Protein backbone atom coordinates (compact mmCIF):
# COMPACT_ATOMS: atom_id res chain seq x y z
CA UNK A 1 -16.69 19.03 -1.99
CA UNK A 2 -16.47 16.72 -5.23
CA UNK A 3 -14.75 13.60 -4.35
CA UNK A 4 -14.22 11.32 -7.08
CA UNK A 5 -12.16 8.10 -7.80
CA UNK A 6 -10.79 7.12 -11.12
CA UNK A 7 -9.25 4.08 -12.23
CA UNK A 8 -6.31 3.49 -14.55
CA UNK A 9 -6.18 -0.30 -15.21
CA UNK A 10 -5.29 -3.16 -17.60
CA UNK A 11 -8.05 -4.48 -19.57
CA UNK A 12 -8.41 -7.72 -17.45
CA UNK A 13 -9.12 -5.76 -13.96
CA UNK A 14 -12.51 -5.82 -12.94
CA UNK A 15 -13.43 -2.09 -12.02
CA UNK A 16 -17.23 -2.85 -10.85
CA UNK A 17 -16.23 -2.56 -7.14
CA UNK A 18 -14.58 0.75 -7.67
CA UNK A 19 -17.53 2.20 -9.42
CA UNK A 20 -19.97 1.51 -6.58
CA UNK A 21 -17.29 2.52 -4.09
CA UNK A 22 -16.80 5.78 -5.94
CA UNK A 23 -20.48 6.65 -6.21
CA UNK A 24 -21.03 5.94 -2.38
CA UNK A 25 -17.99 8.31 -1.61
CA UNK A 26 -19.12 11.05 -4.15
CA UNK A 27 -22.70 10.97 -2.41
CA UNK A 28 -21.11 11.16 0.97
CA UNK A 29 -18.90 14.17 0.29
CA UNK A 30 -21.28 16.00 -1.77
CA UNK A 31 -22.48 18.34 0.54
CA UNK A 32 -19.63 18.67 2.72
CA UNK A 33 -17.15 21.47 2.80
CA UNK A 34 -13.61 21.79 4.32
CA UNK A 35 -12.99 25.29 3.64
CA UNK A 36 -12.32 27.27 0.36
CA UNK A 37 -8.93 25.56 -0.21
CA UNK A 38 -10.07 22.34 -2.04
CA UNK A 39 -13.35 22.09 -4.07
CA UNK A 40 -12.47 18.80 -5.84
CA UNK A 41 -10.49 15.93 -4.88
CA UNK A 42 -9.55 13.34 -7.49
CA UNK A 43 -7.97 9.88 -6.56
CA UNK A 44 -6.65 8.00 -9.35
CA UNK A 45 -6.14 4.13 -8.40
CA UNK A 46 -3.68 2.54 -10.80
CA UNK A 47 -3.76 -1.21 -11.13
CA UNK A 48 -2.10 -2.65 -14.22
CA UNK A 49 -0.43 -6.07 -15.03
CA UNK A 50 3.02 -6.13 -13.95
CA UNK A 51 4.12 -6.28 -17.50
CA UNK A 52 2.89 -3.02 -18.08
CA UNK A 53 4.40 -1.46 -14.81
CA UNK A 54 6.93 0.65 -16.78
CA UNK A 55 3.95 2.56 -18.42
CA UNK A 56 2.08 3.21 -15.25
CA UNK A 57 3.83 6.29 -13.65
CA UNK A 58 2.90 7.50 -10.26
CA UNK A 59 2.44 11.15 -10.74
CA UNK A 60 3.24 13.57 -8.07
CA UNK A 61 0.36 15.20 -6.18
CA UNK A 62 -0.95 18.02 -8.13
CA UNK A 63 -2.88 21.23 -6.73
CA UNK A 64 -4.42 23.24 -9.33
CA UNK A 65 -6.53 26.40 -8.95
CA UNK A 66 -9.57 27.31 -11.29
CA UNK A 67 -8.82 27.57 -14.97
CA UNK A 68 -9.61 30.69 -17.36
CA UNK A 69 -12.98 31.59 -18.24
CA UNK A 70 -14.33 29.22 -21.04
CA UNK A 71 -12.14 26.28 -19.98
CA UNK A 72 -13.72 23.13 -20.95
CA UNK A 73 -13.53 21.55 -17.48
CA UNK A 74 -13.14 23.69 -14.35
CA UNK A 75 -13.52 21.87 -11.11
CA UNK A 76 -12.20 24.91 -8.91
CA UNK A 77 -9.46 24.15 -6.68
CA UNK A 78 -8.47 20.63 -7.44
CA UNK A 79 -6.09 18.15 -5.53
CA UNK A 80 -5.02 15.13 -7.55
CA UNK A 81 -3.45 12.19 -6.09
CA UNK A 82 -2.41 8.83 -7.38
CA UNK A 83 -2.47 5.57 -5.57
CA UNK A 84 -0.84 2.21 -6.96
CA UNK A 85 -2.53 -1.11 -6.21
CA UNK A 86 -1.14 -4.34 -6.02
CA UNK A 87 -2.37 -5.93 -9.23
CA UNK A 88 -2.30 -9.49 -7.91
CA UNK A 89 -4.07 -8.67 -4.51
CA UNK A 90 -6.78 -6.77 -6.51
CA UNK A 91 -7.52 -9.03 -9.36
CA UNK A 92 -7.37 -12.34 -7.26
CA UNK A 93 -9.63 -10.96 -4.54
CA UNK A 94 -13.36 -11.00 -3.99
CA UNK A 95 -15.16 -7.72 -4.61
CA UNK A 96 -15.39 -7.60 -0.69
CA UNK A 97 -11.63 -7.95 -0.64
CA UNK A 98 -11.16 -5.35 -3.45
CA UNK A 99 -13.31 -2.76 -1.42
CA UNK A 100 -11.28 -3.37 1.58
CA UNK A 101 -8.11 -3.01 -0.26
CA UNK A 102 -9.41 0.32 -1.79
CA UNK A 103 -10.48 1.50 1.81
CA UNK A 104 -7.07 0.64 3.38
CA UNK A 105 -5.24 2.88 1.01
CA UNK A 106 -7.86 5.77 1.33
CA UNK A 107 -7.34 5.24 5.21
CA UNK A 108 -3.83 5.92 4.68
CA UNK A 109 -4.44 8.89 2.35
CA UNK A 110 -4.17 11.63 4.88
CA UNK A 111 -0.98 10.25 6.21
CA UNK A 112 0.80 9.59 2.86
CA UNK A 113 -0.11 12.80 1.47
CA UNK A 114 -0.12 14.78 4.81
CA UNK A 115 2.46 17.49 3.76
CA UNK A 116 0.79 18.26 0.64
CA UNK A 117 -2.91 18.58 2.28
CA UNK A 118 -1.24 20.60 5.10
CA UNK A 119 0.29 23.03 2.64
CA UNK A 120 -3.10 24.04 1.19
CA UNK A 121 -4.37 27.08 2.92
CA UNK A 122 -7.96 27.12 4.24
CA UNK A 123 -8.40 23.26 3.98
CA UNK A 124 -9.61 21.45 7.23
CA UNK A 125 -7.57 18.32 7.12
CA UNK A 126 -8.72 17.12 10.38
CA UNK A 127 -12.36 17.34 9.64
CA UNK A 128 -11.82 15.69 6.23
CA UNK A 129 -9.90 12.89 7.78
CA UNK A 130 -12.62 12.32 10.33
CA UNK A 131 -15.22 12.37 7.64
CA UNK A 132 -13.47 9.98 5.51
CA UNK A 133 -12.77 7.52 8.40
CA UNK A 134 -16.31 7.68 9.45
CA UNK A 135 -17.45 6.82 6.00
CA UNK A 136 -15.03 3.90 5.70
CA UNK A 137 -15.94 2.41 9.21
CA UNK A 138 -19.63 3.05 8.87
CA UNK A 139 -19.78 1.12 5.62
CA UNK A 140 -17.57 -1.49 7.30
CA UNK A 141 -14.84 -1.20 4.52
CA UNK A 142 -12.11 -0.66 7.28
């Protein structure tokens, strides 16, 4: 499964911790499969200066099936989720604090979006949850 993190942020937000975290997660999930229900999971972390909060809208979870032949981007069956981070906590923290903040939000992922994930046929939510927790605790982020 392709598991990727993206970051929507204000210019003053340091995203270096997220890039390393994302690369590790992508490698961890690369050869794993959880059924034919999801090929790609995209998590968008949103962290903007409070003065721009009105521009940062948390989108509803989106599940999309493969596009038409010839589409520029086709990631297969894709689940896209948004997670909003506390700007002050993220920007004032060390890289270690930032990683722990990202990990704590990912730990809550399967609880927060449980109904959406359960509604996807042929997706082994329990196995995904276990693999995610293993990764977070093995890397000592959580």
